[in-house]
Every structure is written in C-alpha cells, then in structure tokens.
Protein backbone atom coordinates (compact mmCIF):
# COMPACT_ATOMS: atom_id res chain seq x y z
CA GLN A 1 31.36 -9.67 -8.01
CA VAL A 2 29.17 -12.42 -9.37
CA GLN A 3 30.09 -16.08 -9.36
CA LEU A 4 28.63 -18.55 -11.83
CA VAL A 5 28.62 -22.26 -11.09
CA GLU A 6 27.77 -24.73 -13.83
CA SER A 7 26.51 -28.25 -13.22
CA GLY A 8 24.80 -31.05 -15.07
CA GLY A 9 27.61 -32.28 -17.26
CA GLY A 10 28.55 -35.91 -17.51
CA LEU A 11 28.69 -38.94 -19.73
CA VAL A 12 25.77 -39.68 -22.03
CA GLN A 13 25.25 -41.98 -24.98
CA PRO A 14 24.74 -40.59 -28.48
CA GLY A 15 21.12 -39.54 -28.91
CA GLY A 16 20.74 -38.87 -25.22
CA SER A 17 19.97 -35.68 -23.33
CA LEU A 18 21.49 -33.54 -20.62
CA ARG A 19 20.43 -30.32 -18.95
CA LEU A 20 23.17 -27.95 -17.89
CA SER A 21 22.52 -25.45 -15.12
CA CYS A 22 24.31 -22.20 -14.30
CA LEU A 23 23.63 -20.76 -10.88
CA ALA A 24 24.49 -17.09 -10.32
CA SER A 25 25.57 -16.01 -6.84
CA ARG A 26 23.15 -13.12 -6.96
CA ASN A 27 20.29 -11.92 -9.06
CA MET A 28 21.72 -10.68 -12.33
CA PHE A 29 18.59 -11.03 -14.33
CA ARG A 30 17.42 -7.46 -13.86
CA PHE A 31 20.70 -6.15 -15.20
CA TYR A 32 21.93 -8.54 -17.82
CA THR A 33 22.13 -7.74 -21.50
CA THR A 34 22.89 -11.26 -22.68
CA MET A 35 23.46 -14.64 -21.15
CA GLY A 36 24.71 -17.68 -22.91
CA TRP A 37 26.52 -20.95 -23.16
CA SER A 38 29.76 -21.50 -25.00
CA ARG A 39 31.99 -24.49 -25.49
CA GLN A 40 35.64 -25.00 -26.22
CA ALA A 41 37.29 -28.12 -27.51
CA PRO A 42 41.05 -28.64 -27.07
CA GLY A 43 43.00 -26.65 -29.61
CA LYS A 44 39.96 -24.78 -30.84
CA GLN A 45 38.48 -21.36 -30.22
CA ARG A 46 35.60 -20.96 -27.82
CA GLU A 47 32.32 -21.28 -29.69
CA LEU A 48 29.07 -19.57 -28.73
CA VAL A 49 26.43 -22.29 -28.55
CA ALA A 50 23.36 -20.41 -27.39
CA ARG A 51 22.52 -16.86 -26.36
CA LEU A 52 19.53 -15.30 -24.68
CA ARG A 53 19.06 -11.54 -24.86
CA SER A 54 17.32 -9.46 -22.24
CA GLY A 55 14.46 -8.86 -24.65
CA GLY A 56 13.87 -12.58 -24.86
CA SER A 57 15.29 -13.35 -28.27
CA THR A 58 17.62 -16.28 -28.69
CA ASN A 59 20.16 -17.46 -31.18
CA TYR A 60 22.01 -20.72 -31.58
CA ALA A 61 25.03 -22.06 -33.38
CA ASP A 62 24.02 -23.85 -36.56
CA SER A 63 25.47 -27.07 -35.20
CA VAL A 64 22.96 -27.18 -32.32
CA LYS A 65 19.83 -25.60 -33.78
CA GLY A 66 16.79 -27.72 -33.13
CA ARG A 67 18.62 -29.76 -30.49
CA PHE A 68 19.60 -27.27 -27.75
CA THR A 69 17.42 -24.78 -25.89
CA ILE A 70 18.53 -21.98 -23.58
CA SER A 71 16.22 -20.75 -20.84
CA ARG A 72 16.31 -19.00 -17.48
CA ASP A 73 14.55 -19.13 -14.14
CA ASN A 74 14.60 -15.69 -12.55
CA ALA A 75 13.48 -16.94 -9.15
CA LYS A 76 16.33 -19.44 -9.01
CA ASN A 77 19.01 -17.16 -10.55
CA THR A 78 19.68 -19.99 -12.96
CA VAL A 79 20.31 -20.32 -16.68
CA TYR A 80 19.75 -23.67 -18.33
CA LEU A 81 20.88 -25.38 -21.50
CA GLN A 82 18.71 -28.32 -22.49
CA MET A 83 20.66 -30.53 -24.85
CA ASN A 84 18.84 -33.23 -26.80
CA SER A 85 19.92 -35.64 -29.51
CA LEU A 86 23.51 -35.34 -28.36
CA LYS A 87 26.29 -36.29 -30.75
CA PRO A 88 29.90 -37.32 -30.10
CA GLU A 89 31.01 -33.99 -31.59
CA ASP A 90 29.20 -32.19 -28.75
CA THR A 91 31.85 -33.56 -26.39
CA THR A 92 33.76 -30.77 -24.71
CA VAL A 93 33.64 -28.31 -21.79
CA TYR A 94 30.65 -25.98 -21.64
CA TYR A 95 30.83 -22.52 -20.06
CA CYS A 96 28.10 -20.22 -18.83
CA ASN A 97 28.40 -16.48 -19.40
CA ILE A 98 26.37 -13.49 -18.24
CA ASN A 99 26.98 -9.99 -19.53
CA GLY A 100 25.78 -6.76 -18.04
CA VAL A 101 26.60 -3.21 -19.07
CA GLY A 102 30.37 -3.05 -18.85
CA THR A 103 30.67 -6.40 -17.09
CA SER A 104 31.10 -10.01 -18.10
CA TYR A 105 31.12 -13.12 -15.94
CA TRP A 106 32.11 -16.68 -16.75
CA GLY A 107 31.74 -19.95 -14.93
CA GLN A 108 34.43 -22.57 -14.50
CA GLY A 109 32.89 -24.97 -16.99
CA THR A 110 31.24 -28.36 -16.91
CA ARG A 111 32.37 -31.27 -19.04
CA VAL A 112 30.05 -33.12 -21.39
CA THR A 113 31.09 -36.43 -22.91
CA VAL A 114 28.95 -38.10 -25.55
CA SER A 115 30.12 -41.63 -26.11
CA SER A 116 28.83 -45.16 -26.36
C-alpha cells in the first residue's frame, strides 16, 4: 500500500503562486506509469490538471497551460505542482494521483483558495 500526502495549499491573492507537494510513502517512481494532479470543485466532476508520464512527457488542462508545471523529485519521492498566475477560478481542492500497472493511489487533497 502506498500513501500520498499533499501539502502546500493555502490562501493566495490573484496573480500569486503556490507550489503543491505530494509525498509518497515509498518509492513509486520506478514503477509508475503516470502521476498527476487533479482538482474538483463542489458539484463538478474531478478535472485532470496536469499529468506526467513515465517517459517524461506532460500534458495540462487548457485552463492551466502556461501557468502550471508538474515535476518530480525521485530522491524525495515527491511530485510537485508549481502554480503561477493564480486566478480565483483555480480555487478548489487539489488531489495527487500516482498510477502503476494495475494500481492507482490518491491523496486526501489540499485546498487552494485564490482571493483578494
């Protein structure tokens, strides 16, 4: 079993930045197929924000392209989401996800609030 713990959420003004972190309880990075960040606003479906494939390619939701960047640190068992130029519509809970062959793990979420 792998546990994922997100951190880094909080309150930020529009135009500001935050970096979310997702710490895995053990090294998944040799086995993962994809890792990513999703978000879910109340009453809406969960939306994939950013995804990193094992080969190194990335893809982003259109709404965050050019503003968000996903990355990983193998030595720290950590996935990051750097969020710049934040907008009020980015306000919601963000979830980390790591997929291996036949397995999928999710964190408990970290809340981001963009407000003046």
